[in-house]
PDB file of N, CA and C in Angstrom:
ATOM      1  N   MET A   1       1.380  -1.025   0.275  1.00  0.00           N
ATOM      2  CA  MET A   1      -0.092  -0.007   0.075  1.00  0.00           C
ATOM      3  C   MET A   1       0.508   1.193   0.194  1.00  0.00           C
ATOM      4  N   GLN A   2       0.757   2.322  -1.164  1.00  0.00           N
ATOM      5  CA  GLN A   2       1.212   3.511  -0.955  1.00  0.00           C
ATOM      6  C   GLN A   2       1.128   4.111  -0.030  1.00  0.00           C
ATOM      7  N   LEU A   3       2.461   5.163   0.617  1.00  0.00           N
ATOM      8  CA  LEU A   3       1.884   6.125   1.877  1.00  0.00           C
ATOM      9  C   LEU A   3       0.619   7.095   1.520  1.00  0.00           C
ATOM     10  N   ASN A   4       0.346   7.107   0.506  1.00  0.00           N
ATOM     11  CA  ASN A   4      -0.893   8.287   0.467  1.00  0.00           C
ATOM     12  C   ASN A   4      -2.433   7.136   0.913  1.00  0.00           C
ATOM     13  N   GLU A   5      -2.230   6.168   0.124  1.00  0.00           N
ATOM     14  CA  GLU A   5      -3.627   5.675   0.494  1.00  0.00           C
ATOM     15  C   GLU A   5      -3.742   4.910   1.769  1.00  0.00           C
ATOM     16  N   GLN A   6      -2.437   4.645   2.401  1.00  0.00           N
ATOM     17  CA  GLN A   6      -2.141   4.345   3.510  1.00  0.00           C
ATOM     18  C   GLN A   6      -2.977   5.335   4.991  1.00  0.00           C
ATOM     19  N   ILE A   7      -2.309   6.805   4.461  1.00  0.00           N
ATOM     20  CA  ILE A   7      -3.036   7.700   5.181  1.00  0.00           C
ATOM     21  C   ILE A   7      -4.204   8.407   4.897  1.00  0.00           C
ATOM     22  N   ALA A   8      -5.178   8.420   3.643  1.00  0.00           N
ATOM     23  CA  ALA A   8      -6.478   8.266   3.521  1.00  0.00           C
ATOM     24  C   ALA A   8      -7.117   6.737   3.971  1.00  0.00           C
ATOM     25  N   ALA A   9      -6.323   5.813   3.995  1.00  0.00           N
ATOM     26  CA  ALA A   9      -7.652   4.695   4.797  1.00  0.00           C
ATOM     27  C   ALA A   9      -6.791   5.125   6.248  1.00  0.00           C
ATOM     28  N   ILE A  10      -6.078   5.569   7.110  1.00  0.00           N
ATOM     29  CA  ILE A  10      -6.439   5.751   8.533  1.00  0.00           C
ATOM     30  C   ILE A  10      -6.964   7.288   8.870  1.00  0.00           C
ATOM     31  N   ALA A  11      -6.720   7.801   8.063  1.00  0.00           N
ATOM     32  CA  ALA A  11      -7.695   9.088   8.679  1.00  0.00           C
ATOM     33  C   ALA A  11      -9.228   9.111   7.701  1.00  0.00           C
ATOM     34  N   ASN A  12      -9.659   8.010   7.067  1.00  0.00           N
ATOM     35  CA  ASN A  12     -11.054   8.067   7.058  1.00  0.00           C
ATOM     36  C   ASN A  12     -11.759   7.143   8.056  1.00  0.00           C
ATOM     37  N   THR A  13     -10.667   6.191   8.785  1.00  0.00           N
ATOM     38  CA  THR A  13     -11.040   5.538  10.076  1.00  0.00           C
ATOM     39  C   THR A  13     -11.395   6.707  11.448  1.00  0.00           C
ATOM     40  N   LEU A  14     -10.215   7.629  11.246  1.00  0.00           N
ATOM     41  CA  LEU A  14     -10.218   8.393  12.392  1.00  0.00           C
ATOM     42  C   LEU A  14     -11.739   9.178  12.322  1.00  0.00           C
ATOM     43  N   LEU A  15     -11.559   9.495  11.116  1.00  0.00           N
ATOM     44  CA  LEU A  15     -12.560  10.959  10.793  1.00  0.00           C
ATOM     45  C   LEU A  15     -13.774  11.068  11.906  1.00  0.00           C
ATOM     46  N   PRO A  16     -15.087   9.900  12.139  1.00  0.00           N
ATOM     47  CA  PRO A  16     -15.935   9.786  12.415  1.00  0.00           C
ATOM     48  C   PRO A  16     -15.562  10.558  13.805  1.00  0.00           C
ATOM     49  N   SER A  17     -14.495  10.557  14.549  1.00  0.00           N
ATOM     50  CA  SER A  17     -13.964  10.999  15.914  1.00  0.00           C
ATOM     51  C   SER A  17     -14.490  12.550  15.820  1.00  0.00           C
ATOM     52  N   PHE A  18     -13.820  12.631  14.318  1.00  0.00           N
ATOM     53  CA  PHE A  18     -14.025  14.665  14.351  1.00  0.00           C
ATOM     54  C   PHE A  18     -14.494  15.424  13.220  1.00  0.00           C
ATOM     55  N   ILE A  19     -15.544  14.147  13.092  1.00  0.00           N
ATOM     56  CA  ILE A  19     -16.597  15.031  11.818  1.00  0.00           C
ATOM     57  C   ILE A  19     -17.884  16.860  13.583  1.00  0.00           C
ATOM     58  N   PRO A  20     -17.590  18.269  12.814  1.00  0.00           N
ATOM     59  CA  PRO A  20     -18.125  18.538  13.149  1.00  0.00           C
ATOM     60  C   PRO A  20     -19.336  18.330  13.790  1.00  0.00           C
ATOM     61  N   LYS A  21     -20.127  19.184  15.034  1.00  0.00           N
ATOM     62  CA  LYS A  21     -21.284  19.383  15.468  1.00  0.00           C
ATOM     63  C   LYS A  21     -22.316  20.179  14.466  1.00  0.00           C
ATOM     64  N   ASP A  22     -21.597  21.223  13.756  1.00  0.00           N
ATOM     65  CA  ASP A  22     -22.559  22.043  13.560  1.00  0.00           C
ATOM     66  C   ASP A  22     -22.532  21.607  11.940  1.00  0.00           C
ATOM     67  N   GLN A  23     -23.135  21.327  11.448  1.00  0.00           N
ATOM     68  CA  GLN A  23     -23.614  20.174   9.901  1.00  0.00           C
ATOM     69  C   GLN A  23     -23.897  21.068   9.097  1.00  0.00           C
ATOM     70  N   THR A  24     -23.430  22.489   8.828  1.00  0.00           N
ATOM     71  CA  THR A  24     -23.027  23.924   7.890  1.00  0.00           C
ATOM     72  C   THR A  24     -21.757  23.707   7.731  1.00  0.00           C
ATOM     73  N   GLU A  25     -20.930  23.156   8.652  1.00  0.00           N
ATOM     74  CA  GLU A  25     -19.297  22.810   8.148  1.00  0.00           C
ATOM     75  C   GLU A  25     -19.081  21.911   6.666  1.00  0.00           C
ATOM     76  N   THR A  26     -18.331  22.887   5.714  1.00  0.00           N
ATOM     77  CA  THR A  26     -18.272  21.867   4.482  1.00  0.00           C
ATOM     78  C   THR A  26     -16.376  22.155   4.405  1.00  0.00           C
ATOM     79  N   THR A  27     -16.066  21.804   5.459  1.00  0.00           N
ATOM     80  CA  THR A  27     -14.349  21.179   5.282  1.00  0.00           C
ATOM     81  C   THR A  27     -14.182  21.289   6.970  1.00  0.00           C
ATOM     82  N   LEU A  28     -12.805  19.929   7.021  1.00  0.00           N
ATOM     83  CA  LEU A  28     -12.349  19.620   8.469  1.00  0.00           C
ATOM     84  C   LEU A  28     -10.897  19.557   8.062  1.00  0.00           C
ATOM     85  N   SER A  29     -10.590  19.553   9.521  1.00  0.00           N
ATOM     86  CA  SER A  29      -9.013  19.507   9.001  1.00  0.00           C
ATOM     87  C   SER A  29      -8.388  18.515  10.372  1.00  0.00           C
ATOM     88  N   PHE A  30      -7.816  17.365  10.818  1.00  0.00           N
ATOM     89  CA  PHE A  30      -6.810  16.972  12.165  1.00  0.00           C
ATOM     90  C   PHE A  30      -5.873  16.578  11.646  1.00  0.00           C
ATOM     91  N   HIS A  31      -4.772  16.367  12.931  1.00  0.00           N
ATOM     92  CA  HIS A  31      -3.346  15.810  13.219  1.00  0.00           C
ATOM     93  C   HIS A  31      -3.612  14.505  13.491  1.00  0.00           C
ATOM     94  N   PHE A  32      -2.699  13.493  12.935  1.00  0.00           N
ATOM     95  CA  PHE A  32      -2.554  12.237  13.770  1.00  0.00           C
ATOM     96  C   PHE A  32      -1.090  11.597  13.598  1.00  0.00           C
ATOM     97  N   THR A  33      -0.292  10.929  14.097  1.00  0.00           N
ATOM     98  CA  THR A  33       0.892  10.366  14.365  1.00  0.00           C
ATOM     99  C   THR A  33       0.794   9.044  14.259  1.00  0.00           C
ATOM    100  N   LEU A  34       2.058   8.867  13.097  1.00  0.00           N
ATOM    101  CA  LEU A  34       2.035   7.162  12.915  1.00  0.00           C
ATOM    102  C   LEU A  34       3.343   6.797  13.608  1.00  0.00           C
ATOM    103  N   PRO A  35       3.298   6.003  14.950  1.00  0.00           N
ATOM    104  CA  PRO A  35       4.667   5.617  15.309  1.00  0.00           C
ATOM    105  C   PRO A  35       5.728   4.839  14.224  1.00  0.00           C
ATOM    106  N   PRO A  36       7.017   5.361  14.705  1.00  0.00           N
ATOM    107  CA  PRO A  36       7.241   6.133  15.563  1.00  0.00           C
ATOM    108  C   PRO A  36       7.568   7.240  15.626  1.00  0.00           C
ATOM    109  N   ASP A  37       7.524   7.781  14.329  1.00  0.00           N
ATOM    110  CA  ASP A  37       7.614   9.538  14.566  1.00  0.00           C
ATOM    111  C   ASP A  37       7.204  10.579  13.676  1.00  0.00           C
ATOM    112  N   SER A  38       6.102  10.271  12.940  1.00  0.00           N
ATOM    113  CA  SER A  38       6.081  10.598  11.728  1.00  0.00           C
ATOM    114  C   SER A  38       4.211  10.981  11.963  1.00  0.00           C
ATOM    115  N   SER A  39       4.230  12.435  11.621  1.00  0.00           N
ATOM    116  CA  SER A  39       2.617  13.702  11.875  1.00  0.00           C
ATOM    117  C   SER A  39       2.395  13.983  10.568  1.00  0.00           C
ATOM    118  N   TYR A  40       1.145  13.449  10.245  1.00  0.00           N
ATOM    119  CA  TYR A  40       0.070  14.224   9.258  1.00  0.00           C
ATOM    120  C   TYR A  40      -0.895  15.234   9.546  1.00  0.00           C
ATOM    121  N   LYS A  41      -1.215  15.800   8.885  1.00  0.00           N
ATOM    122  CA  LYS A  41      -2.466  16.750   8.722  1.00  0.00           C
ATOM    123  C   LYS A  41      -3.515  16.958   7.684  1.00  0.00           C
ATOM    124  N   VAL A  42      -4.540  16.169   8.055  1.00  0.00           N
ATOM    125  CA  VAL A  42      -5.312  15.826   6.923  1.00  0.00           C
ATOM    126  C   VAL A  42      -6.375  16.636   6.888  1.00  0.00           C
ATOM    127  N   PHE A  43      -6.772  16.648   5.336  1.00  0.00           N
ATOM    128  CA  PHE A  43      -7.737  17.898   4.908  1.00  0.00           C
ATOM    129  C   PHE A  43      -9.374  17.075   4.520  1.00  0.00           C
ATOM    130  N   PHE A  44     -10.552  16.997   4.233  1.00  0.00           N
ATOM    131  CA  PHE A  44     -11.324  16.671   3.878  1.00  0.00           C
ATOM    132  C   PHE A  44     -12.562  17.908   3.765  1.00  0.00           C
ATOM    133  N   GLU A  45     -13.259  17.265   2.867  1.00  0.00           N
ATOM    134  CA  GLU A  45     -14.584  18.542   2.592  1.00  0.00           C
ATOM    135  C   GLU A  45     -15.935  17.447   1.747  1.00  0.00           C
ATOM    136  N   LYS A  46     -16.710  18.298   2.126  1.00  0.00           N
ATOM    137  CA  LYS A  46     -18.031  17.601   2.200  1.00  0.00           C
ATOM    138  C   LYS A  46     -19.018  17.926   1.090  1.00  0.00           C
ATOM    139  N   ASP A  47     -18.961  16.256   0.331  1.00  0.00           N
ATOM    140  CA  ASP A  47     -19.425  16.612  -1.250  1.00  0.00           C
ATOM    141  C   ASP A  47     -21.065  16.900  -1.170  1.00  0.00           C
ATOM    142  N   ALA A  48     -21.606  17.258  -1.857  1.00  0.00           N
ATOM    143  CA  ALA A  48     -22.983  17.554  -2.249  1.00  0.00           C
ATOM    144  C   ALA A  48     -23.593  16.499  -2.026  1.00  0.00           C
ATOM    145  N   LYS A  49     -23.741  15.115  -1.818  1.00  0.00           N
ATOM    146  CA  LYS A  49     -24.337  14.305  -0.600  1.00  0.00           C
ATOM    147  C   LYS A  49     -24.362  14.256   0.469  1.00  0.00           C
ATOM    148  N   ALA A  50     -23.689  15.632   1.077  1.00  0.00           N
ATOM    149  CA  ALA A  50     -22.900  15.464   2.860  1.00  0.00           C
ATOM    150  C   ALA A  50     -22.097  14.174   3.176  1.00  0.00           C
ATOM    151  N   LYS A  51     -21.525  14.128   2.236  1.00  0.00           N
ATOM    152  CA  LYS A  51     -20.496  12.982   2.727  1.00  0.00           C
ATOM    153  C   LYS A  51     -18.804  13.407   2.780  1.00  0.00           C
ATOM    154  N   TRP A  52     -18.299  13.219   3.677  1.00  0.00           N
ATOM    155  CA  TRP A  52     -16.591  13.513   3.972  1.00  0.00           C
ATOM    156  C   TRP A  52     -15.847  12.661   3.165  1.00  0.00           C
ATOM    157  N   GLN A  53     -15.183  13.626   1.779  1.00  0.00           N
ATOM    158  CA  GLN A  53     -14.634  12.884   1.258  1.00  0.00           C
ATOM    159  C   GLN A  53     -12.711  13.575   1.655  1.00  0.00           C
ATOM    160  N   PHE A  54     -12.246  12.536   1.833  1.00  0.00           N
ATOM    161  CA  PHE A  54     -10.696  12.839   1.801  1.00  0.00           C
ATOM    162  C   PHE A  54      -9.853  13.692   0.536  1.00  0.00           C
ATOM    163  N   LEU A  55      -8.947  15.397   0.696  1.00  0.00           N
ATOM    164  CA  LEU A  55      -8.759  15.670  -0.226  1.00  0.00           C
ATOM    165  C   LEU A  55      -7.152  15.317  -0.329  1.00  0.00           C
ATOM    166  N   ARG A  56      -6.503  15.421   0.920  1.00  0.00           N
ATOM    167  CA  ARG A  56      -4.891  15.444   0.690  1.00  0.00           C
ATOM    168  C   ARG A  56      -4.300  15.566   2.283  1.00  0.00           C
ATOM    169  N   TYR A  57      -3.328  16.011   2.375  1.00  0.00           N
ATOM    170  CA  TYR A  57      -2.585  15.729   3.854  1.00  0.00           C
ATOM    171  C   TYR A  57      -1.101  16.099   3.580  1.00  0.00           C
ATOM    172  N   GLU A  58      -0.559  16.255   4.829  1.00  0.00           N
ATOM    173  CA  GLU A  58       0.680  17.395   4.501  1.00  0.00           C
ATOM    174  C   GLU A  58       1.300  16.557   5.582  1.00  0.00           C
ATOM    175  N   GLU A  59       2.955  16.081   5.195  1.00  0.00           N
ATOM    176  CA  GLU A  59       3.567  16.045   6.609  1.00  0.00           C
ATOM    177  C   GLU A  59       3.466  16.963   7.225  1.00  0.00           C
ATOM    178  N   VAL A  60       3.558  16.754   8.878  1.00  0.00           N
ATOM    179  CA  VAL A  60       4.078  17.890  10.110  1.00  0.00           C
ATOM    180  C   VAL A  60       5.279  17.320  10.130  1.00  0.00           C
ATOM    181  N   LEU A  61       6.363  18.107  10.562  1.00  0.00           N
ATOM    182  CA  LEU A  61       7.996  18.728  10.194  1.00  0.00           C
ATOM    183  C   LEU A  61       7.647  19.112  11.891  1.00  0.00           C
ATOM    184  N   ARG A  62       8.235  18.412  12.805  1.00  0.00           N
ATOM    185  CA  ARG A  62       8.680  19.327  14.063  1.00  0.00           C
ATOM    186  C   ARG A  62      10.241  19.990  14.246  1.00  0.00           C
TER     187      ARG A  62
END
């Protein structure tokens, strides 16, 4: 599995914990860390059917 696919899969698994309570929100982002020391920020956007779609990620450097 390529890194992009791995990050998208993890982000989609974590997504339910980060869905905004405000249903009018159309974008969201959150951070997570993959052991031992890789951190990522992921971005989602709500589509026309109100489903959250993974857009992209960026590595967070410490």
